[in-house]
All heavy atoms as atom14 arrays in JSON, in Angstrom:
{
  "sequence": "VWTLKITWEKAPVYAARTDTRKTVTYQAVLTTDGF",
  "atom14_mask": [
    [1, 1, 1, 1, 1, 1, 1, 0, 0, 0, 0, 0, 0, 0],
    [1, 1, 1, 1, 1, 1, 1, 1, 1, 1, 1, 1, 1, 1],
    [1, 1, 1, 1, 1, 1, 1, 0, 0, 0, 0, 0, 0, 0],
    [1, 1, 1, 1, 1, 1, 1, 1, 0, 0, 0, 0, 0, 0],
    [1, 1, 1, 1, 1, 1, 1, 1, 1, 0, 0, 0, 0, 0],
    [1, 1, 1, 1, 1, 1, 1, 1, 0, 0, 0, 0, 0, 0],
    [1, 1, 1, 1, 1, 1, 1, 0, 0, 0, 0, 0, 0, 0],
    [1, 1, 1, 1, 1, 1, 1, 1, 1, 1, 1, 1, 1, 1],
    [1, 1, 1, 1, 1, 1, 1, 1, 1, 0, 0, 0, 0, 0],
    [1, 1, 1, 1, 1, 1, 1, 1, 1, 0, 0, 0, 0, 0],
    [1, 1, 1, 1, 1, 0, 0, 0, 0, 0, 0, 0, 0, 0],
    [1, 1, 1, 1, 1, 1, 1, 0, 0, 0, 0, 0, 0, 0],
    [1, 1, 1, 1, 1, 1, 1, 0, 0, 0, 0, 0, 0, 0],
    [1, 1, 1, 1, 1, 1, 1, 1, 1, 1, 1, 1, 0, 0],
    [1, 1, 1, 1, 1, 0, 0, 0, 0, 0, 0, 0, 0, 0],
    [1, 1, 1, 1, 1, 0, 0, 0, 0, 0, 0, 0, 0, 0],
    [1, 1, 1, 1, 1, 1, 1, 1, 1, 1, 1, 0, 0, 0],
    [1, 1, 1, 1, 1, 1, 1, 0, 0, 0, 0, 0, 0, 0],
    [1, 1, 1, 1, 1, 1, 1, 1, 0, 0, 0, 0, 0, 0],
    [1, 1, 1, 1, 1, 1, 1, 0, 0, 0, 0, 0, 0, 0],
    [1, 1, 1, 1, 1, 1, 1, 1, 1, 1, 1, 0, 0, 0],
    [1, 1, 1, 1, 1, 1, 1, 1, 1, 0, 0, 0, 0, 0],
    [1, 1, 1, 1, 1, 1, 1, 0, 0, 0, 0, 0, 0, 0],
    [1, 1, 1, 1, 1, 1, 1, 0, 0, 0, 0, 0, 0, 0],
    [1, 1, 1, 1, 1, 1, 1, 0, 0, 0, 0, 0, 0, 0],
    [1, 1, 1, 1, 1, 1, 1, 1, 1, 1, 1, 1, 0, 0],
    [1, 1, 1, 1, 1, 1, 1, 1, 1, 0, 0, 0, 0, 0],
    [1, 1, 1, 1, 1, 0, 0, 0, 0, 0, 0, 0, 0, 0],
    [1, 1, 1, 1, 1, 1, 1, 0, 0, 0, 0, 0, 0, 0],
    [1, 1, 1, 1, 1, 1, 1, 1, 0, 0, 0, 0, 0, 0],
    [1, 1, 1, 1, 1, 1, 1, 0, 0, 0, 0, 0, 0, 0],
    [1, 1, 1, 1, 1, 1, 1, 0, 0, 0, 0, 0, 0, 0],
    [1, 1, 1, 1, 1, 1, 1, 1, 0, 0, 0, 0, 0, 0],
    [1, 1, 1, 1, 0, 0, 0, 0, 0, 0, 0, 0, 0, 0],
    [1, 1, 1, 1, 1, 1, 1, 1, 1, 1, 1, 0, 0, 0]
  ],
  "atom14_positions": [
    [[64.88, 56.03, -20.58], [66.1, 56.03, -21.59], [66.86, 57.33, -21.29], [68.07, 57.16, -21.4], [65.57, 56.08, -23.02], [66.71, 56.32, -23.92], [64.93, 54.75, -23.38], [0.0, 0.0, 0.0], [0.0, 0.0, 0.0], [0.0, 0.0, 0.0], [0.0, 0.0, 0.0], [0.0, 0.0, 0.0], [0.0, 0.0, 0.0], [0.0, 0.0, 0.0]],
    [[66.16, 58.44, -20.86], [66.96, 59.62, -20.56], [66.26, 60.2, -19.31], [65.0, 60.36, -19.34], [66.92, 60.51, -21.75], [67.65, 61.94, -21.45], [69.02, 62.17, -21.62], [67.04, 63.12, -20.97], [69.26, 63.41, -21.19], [68.21, 64.05, -20.97], [65.69, 63.52, -20.67], [67.86, 65.35, -20.5], [65.52, 64.83, -20.25], [66.6, 65.76, -20.2]],
    [[67.08, 60.67, -18.39], [66.48, 61.28, -17.22], [67.41, 62.45, -16.75], [68.59, 62.48, -16.74], [66.42, 60.18, -15.99], [65.72, 59.16, -16.46], [65.8, 60.83, -14.75], [0.0, 0.0, 0.0], [0.0, 0.0, 0.0], [0.0, 0.0, 0.0], [0.0, 0.0, 0.0], [0.0, 0.0, 0.0], [0.0, 0.0, 0.0], [0.0, 0.0, 0.0]],
    [[66.75, 63.47, -16.23], [67.43, 64.76, -15.82], [66.93, 64.99, -14.4], [65.76, 65.13, -14.19], [67.14, 65.81, -16.75], [67.72, 67.29, -16.34], [69.22, 67.23, -16.3], [67.29, 68.42, -17.32], [0.0, 0.0, 0.0], [0.0, 0.0, 0.0], [0.0, 0.0, 0.0], [0.0, 0.0, 0.0], [0.0, 0.0, 0.0], [0.0, 0.0, 0.0]],
    [[67.86, 65.21, -13.49], [67.57, 65.68, -12.19], [68.09, 67.08, -11.97], [69.27, 67.36, -12.14], [68.2, 64.7, -11.16], [67.98, 65.05, -9.65], [68.74, 64.14, -8.71], [70.22, 64.1, -8.84], [71.04, 63.45, -7.96], [0.0, 0.0, 0.0], [0.0, 0.0, 0.0], [0.0, 0.0, 0.0], [0.0, 0.0, 0.0], [0.0, 0.0, 0.0]],
    [[67.24, 67.95, -11.42], [67.55, 69.42, -11.2], [67.14, 69.63, -9.78], [65.89, 69.27, -9.38], [66.91, 70.39, -12.07], [67.09, 69.92, -13.64], [67.32, 71.75, -11.95], [66.06, 70.57, -14.57], [0.0, 0.0, 0.0], [0.0, 0.0, 0.0], [0.0, 0.0, 0.0], [0.0, 0.0, 0.0], [0.0, 0.0, 0.0], [0.0, 0.0, 0.0]],
    [[68.11, 70.25, -9.06], [67.8, 70.6, -7.59], [68.07, 72.07, -7.4], [69.14, 72.55, -7.72], [68.74, 69.87, -6.62], [68.45, 68.35, -6.96], [68.28, 70.02, -5.22], [0.0, 0.0, 0.0], [0.0, 0.0, 0.0], [0.0, 0.0, 0.0], [0.0, 0.0, 0.0], [0.0, 0.0, 0.0], [0.0, 0.0, 0.0], [0.0, 0.0, 0.0]],
    [[67.1, 72.83, -6.86], [67.3, 74.07, -6.34], [67.44, 74.04, -4.8], [66.55, 73.68, -4.13], [66.09, 74.95, -6.64], [65.95, 75.29, -8.18], [66.14, 76.38, -8.74], [65.15, 74.39, -9.18], [65.81, 76.33, -10.14], [65.17, 75.1, -10.3], [64.65, 73.19, -9.01], [64.53, 74.54, -11.43], [64.08, 72.56, -10.18], [64.04, 73.37, -11.33]],
    [[68.61, 74.4, -4.27], [68.96, 74.26, -2.93], [69.01, 75.66, -2.27], [69.86, 76.5, -2.62], [70.2, 73.52, -2.7], [70.52, 73.31, -1.2], [71.98, 72.63, -1.0], [72.94, 73.15, -1.57], [72.01, 71.72, -0.17], [0.0, 0.0, 0.0], [0.0, 0.0, 0.0], [0.0, 0.0, 0.0], [0.0, 0.0, 0.0], [0.0, 0.0, 0.0]],
    [[68.11, 75.81, -1.18], [68.15, 76.91, -0.31], [68.14, 78.25, -1.03], [69.0, 79.15, -0.91], [69.34, 76.94, 0.69], [69.22, 75.66, 1.65], [70.5, 75.7, 2.58], [70.3, 74.5, 3.6], [71.37, 74.51, 4.5], [0.0, 0.0, 0.0], [0.0, 0.0, 0.0], [0.0, 0.0, 0.0], [0.0, 0.0, 0.0], [0.0, 0.0, 0.0]],
    [[67.23, 78.33, -2.07], [67.12, 79.55, -2.87], [66.48, 80.69, -2.12], [65.36, 80.49, -1.67], [66.36, 79.23, -4.1], [0.0, 0.0, 0.0], [0.0, 0.0, 0.0], [0.0, 0.0, 0.0], [0.0, 0.0, 0.0], [0.0, 0.0, 0.0], [0.0, 0.0, 0.0], [0.0, 0.0, 0.0], [0.0, 0.0, 0.0], [0.0, 0.0, 0.0]],
    [[67.14, 81.79, -1.97], [66.45, 83.0, -1.32], [65.52, 83.66, -2.27], [65.66, 83.53, -3.55], [67.68, 83.91, -1.02], [68.87, 83.18, -1.26], [68.51, 82.15, -2.29], [0.0, 0.0, 0.0], [0.0, 0.0, 0.0], [0.0, 0.0, 0.0], [0.0, 0.0, 0.0], [0.0, 0.0, 0.0], [0.0, 0.0, 0.0], [0.0, 0.0, 0.0]],
    [[64.52, 84.4, -1.71], [63.62, 85.08, -2.54], [64.41, 86.29, -3.2], [65.34, 86.78, -2.7], [62.46, 85.61, -1.73], [62.84, 86.73, -0.81], [61.31, 86.07, -2.67], [0.0, 0.0, 0.0], [0.0, 0.0, 0.0], [0.0, 0.0, 0.0], [0.0, 0.0, 0.0], [0.0, 0.0, 0.0], [0.0, 0.0, 0.0], [0.0, 0.0, 0.0]],
    [[63.85, 86.66, -4.44], [64.4, 87.84, -5.19], [64.52, 89.1, -4.38], [63.52, 89.28, -3.65], [63.75, 88.14, -6.41], [64.19, 89.31, -7.08], [65.48, 89.36, -7.69], [63.32, 90.42, -7.3], [65.9, 90.42, -8.52], [63.8, 91.5, -8.02], [65.05, 91.59, -8.58], [65.48, 92.57, -9.32], [0.0, 0.0, 0.0], [0.0, 0.0, 0.0]],
    [[65.57, 89.84, -4.29], [65.69, 91.08, -3.6], [65.65, 90.81, -2.09], [65.25, 91.67, -1.3], [64.61, 92.09, -3.97], [0.0, 0.0, 0.0], [0.0, 0.0, 0.0], [0.0, 0.0, 0.0], [0.0, 0.0, 0.0], [0.0, 0.0, 0.0], [0.0, 0.0, 0.0], [0.0, 0.0, 0.0], [0.0, 0.0, 0.0], [0.0, 0.0, 0.0]],
    [[66.23, 89.67, -1.55], [66.39, 89.38, -0.25], [67.7, 90.02, 0.35], [68.63, 89.45, 0.5], [66.35, 87.91, -0.01], [0.0, 0.0, 0.0], [0.0, 0.0, 0.0], [0.0, 0.0, 0.0], [0.0, 0.0, 0.0], [0.0, 0.0, 0.0], [0.0, 0.0, 0.0], [0.0, 0.0, 0.0], [0.0, 0.0, 0.0], [0.0, 0.0, 0.0]],
    [[67.53, 91.38, 0.48], [68.76, 92.17, 0.72], [69.22, 91.99, 2.3], [70.36, 92.13, 2.52], [68.47, 93.63, 0.45], [68.24, 93.89, -0.93], [69.49, 93.59, -1.85], [69.25, 93.89, -3.28], [69.27, 92.95, -4.25], [69.74, 91.76, -3.97], [69.19, 93.25, -5.49], [0.0, 0.0, 0.0], [0.0, 0.0, 0.0], [0.0, 0.0, 0.0]],
    [[68.34, 91.7, 3.15], [68.66, 91.68, 4.57], [68.49, 90.32, 5.14], [69.21, 90.01, 6.19], [67.82, 92.75, 5.34], [66.44, 92.43, 5.12], [68.07, 94.12, 4.83], [0.0, 0.0, 0.0], [0.0, 0.0, 0.0], [0.0, 0.0, 0.0], [0.0, 0.0, 0.0], [0.0, 0.0, 0.0], [0.0, 0.0, 0.0], [0.0, 0.0, 0.0]],
    [[67.51, 89.54, 4.73], [67.3, 88.23, 5.42], [67.32, 87.09, 4.35], [66.44, 87.05, 3.51], [65.95, 88.31, 6.04], [65.68, 87.03, 6.91], [66.55, 86.08, 6.9], [64.64, 86.89, 7.57], [0.0, 0.0, 0.0], [0.0, 0.0, 0.0], [0.0, 0.0, 0.0], [0.0, 0.0, 0.0], [0.0, 0.0, 0.0], [0.0, 0.0, 0.0]],
    [[68.38, 86.35, 4.32], [68.48, 85.22, 3.29], [68.29, 83.93, 4.1], [68.62, 82.8, 3.61], [69.73, 85.27, 2.66], [70.86, 85.27, 3.63], [69.93, 86.56, 1.78], [0.0, 0.0, 0.0], [0.0, 0.0, 0.0], [0.0, 0.0, 0.0], [0.0, 0.0, 0.0], [0.0, 0.0, 0.0], [0.0, 0.0, 0.0], [0.0, 0.0, 0.0]],
    [[67.71, 84.0, 5.36], [67.63, 82.71, 6.08], [66.37, 81.84, 5.59], [66.37, 80.72, 5.76], [67.44, 83.03, 7.58], [68.74, 83.61, 8.27], [68.39, 84.12, 9.6], [67.44, 85.21, 9.57], [67.01, 85.72, 10.71], [67.42, 85.32, 11.95], [66.13, 86.76, 10.66], [0.0, 0.0, 0.0], [0.0, 0.0, 0.0], [0.0, 0.0, 0.0]],
    [[65.37, 82.63, 5.17], [64.18, 81.75, 4.66], [64.33, 81.54, 3.18], [64.33, 82.41, 2.35], [62.88, 82.72, 4.89], [62.55, 82.89, 6.3], [61.22, 83.62, 6.49], [60.87, 83.87, 8.02], [60.7, 82.57, 8.73], [0.0, 0.0, 0.0], [0.0, 0.0, 0.0], [0.0, 0.0, 0.0], [0.0, 0.0, 0.0], [0.0, 0.0, 0.0]],
    [[64.52, 80.24, 2.87], [64.9, 79.84, 1.49], [63.8, 78.68, 1.17], [63.05, 78.16, 1.98], [66.21, 79.16, 1.53], [66.42, 78.1, 2.34], [67.32, 80.3, 1.83], [0.0, 0.0, 0.0], [0.0, 0.0, 0.0], [0.0, 0.0, 0.0], [0.0, 0.0, 0.0], [0.0, 0.0, 0.0], [0.0, 0.0, 0.0], [0.0, 0.0, 0.0]],
    [[63.98, 78.24, -0.1], [63.19, 77.12, -0.63], [64.12, 76.12, -1.27], [65.12, 76.52, -1.91], [62.15, 77.58, -1.62], [61.02, 78.43, -1.01], [62.77, 78.32, -2.79], [0.0, 0.0, 0.0], [0.0, 0.0, 0.0], [0.0, 0.0, 0.0], [0.0, 0.0, 0.0], [0.0, 0.0, 0.0], [0.0, 0.0, 0.0], [0.0, 0.0, 0.0]],
    [[63.84, 74.79, -0.98], [64.64, 73.78, -1.53], [63.57, 72.81, -2.29], [62.73, 72.24, -1.71], [65.46, 73.04, -0.57], [66.42, 73.91, 0.05], [66.19, 71.79, -1.17], [0.0, 0.0, 0.0], [0.0, 0.0, 0.0], [0.0, 0.0, 0.0], [0.0, 0.0, 0.0], [0.0, 0.0, 0.0], [0.0, 0.0, 0.0], [0.0, 0.0, 0.0]],
    [[63.87, 72.58, -3.57], [62.95, 71.65, -4.33], [63.68, 71.08, -5.42], [64.81, 71.38, -5.76], [61.72, 72.42, -4.73], [61.93, 73.71, -5.64], [61.92, 73.56, -6.98], [62.35, 74.9, -5.08], [62.08, 74.74, -7.83], [62.56, 75.98, -5.89], [62.52, 75.92, -7.19], [62.68, 76.96, -7.94], [0.0, 0.0, 0.0], [0.0, 0.0, 0.0]],
    [[63.05, 70.1, -6.08], [63.7, 69.36, -7.18], [62.68, 68.93, -8.29], [61.53, 68.77, -7.98], [64.16, 68.05, -6.47], [65.21, 67.13, -7.13], [65.69, 66.06, -6.2], [64.96, 65.21, -5.78], [67.04, 66.2, -5.75], [0.0, 0.0, 0.0], [0.0, 0.0, 0.0], [0.0, 0.0, 0.0], [0.0, 0.0, 0.0], [0.0, 0.0, 0.0]],
    [[63.23, 68.81, -9.53], [62.53, 68.28, -10.63], [63.22, 67.16, -11.18], [64.46, 67.15, -11.34], [62.29, 69.45, -11.61], [0.0, 0.0, 0.0], [0.0, 0.0, 0.0], [0.0, 0.0, 0.0], [0.0, 0.0, 0.0], [0.0, 0.0, 0.0], [0.0, 0.0, 0.0], [0.0, 0.0, 0.0], [0.0, 0.0, 0.0], [0.0, 0.0, 0.0]],
    [[62.48, 66.08, -11.61], [63.12, 64.97, -12.25], [62.38, 64.75, -13.65], [61.06, 64.37, -13.42], [63.08, 63.66, -11.46], [63.69, 62.55, -12.2], [63.86, 63.86, -10.13], [0.0, 0.0, 0.0], [0.0, 0.0, 0.0], [0.0, 0.0, 0.0], [0.0, 0.0, 0.0], [0.0, 0.0, 0.0], [0.0, 0.0, 0.0], [0.0, 0.0, 0.0]],
    [[62.95, 64.91, -14.76], [62.31, 64.74, -16.07], [62.84, 63.47, -16.52], [64.06, 63.13, -16.45], [62.72, 65.88, -17.05], [61.97, 67.15, -16.9], [62.75, 67.9, -15.79], [61.95, 67.95, -18.2], [0.0, 0.0, 0.0], [0.0, 0.0, 0.0], [0.0, 0.0, 0.0], [0.0, 0.0, 0.0], [0.0, 0.0, 0.0], [0.0, 0.0, 0.0]],
    [[62.01, 62.61, -17.08], [62.38, 61.22, -17.61], [61.52, 60.89, -18.72], [60.36, 61.29, -18.9], [62.27, 60.26, -16.46], [62.73, 59.03, -16.93], [60.85, 60.03, -16.05], [0.0, 0.0, 0.0], [0.0, 0.0, 0.0], [0.0, 0.0, 0.0], [0.0, 0.0, 0.0], [0.0, 0.0, 0.0], [0.0, 0.0, 0.0], [0.0, 0.0, 0.0]],
    [[62.06, 60.22, -19.7], [61.38, 59.71, -20.94], [61.92, 58.46, -21.46], [63.17, 58.17, -21.17], [61.54, 60.8, -22.06], [60.75, 60.45, -23.18], [62.97, 61.09, -22.45], [0.0, 0.0, 0.0], [0.0, 0.0, 0.0], [0.0, 0.0, 0.0], [0.0, 0.0, 0.0], [0.0, 0.0, 0.0], [0.0, 0.0, 0.0], [0.0, 0.0, 0.0]],
    [[61.14, 57.81, -22.2], [61.58, 56.53, -22.86], [61.47, 56.73, -24.42], [61.78, 55.98, -25.25], [60.61, 55.38, -22.54], [59.21, 55.54, -22.97], [58.82, 56.62, -23.6], [58.39, 54.71, -22.67], [0.0, 0.0, 0.0], [0.0, 0.0, 0.0], [0.0, 0.0, 0.0], [0.0, 0.0, 0.0], [0.0, 0.0, 0.0], [0.0, 0.0, 0.0]],
    [[61.38, 58.08, -24.75], [61.29, 58.44, -26.24], [59.92, 58.5, -26.78], [59.73, 59.13, -27.84], [0.0, 0.0, 0.0], [0.0, 0.0, 0.0], [0.0, 0.0, 0.0], [0.0, 0.0, 0.0], [0.0, 0.0, 0.0], [0.0, 0.0, 0.0], [0.0, 0.0, 0.0], [0.0, 0.0, 0.0], [0.0, 0.0, 0.0], [0.0, 0.0, 0.0]],
    [[58.92, 57.85, -26.01], [57.56, 57.95, -26.46], [56.72, 58.71, -25.44], [55.72, 59.33, -25.85], [57.0, 56.5, -26.69], [57.74, 55.75, -27.7], [58.86, 54.86, -27.35], [57.5, 55.94, -28.99], [59.55, 54.21, -28.36], [58.14, 55.28, -30.02], [59.27, 54.28, -29.65], [0.0, 0.0, 0.0], [0.0, 0.0, 0.0], [0.0, 0.0, 0.0]]
  ]
}
């Protein structure tokens, strides 16, 4: 009945001041029918 898709794309690690090439990409999908 309700679904939410969230995507984090190419997120650098905190305080990545010099190298932002190594990133993470992942996704969450929440869904419910009310019950």
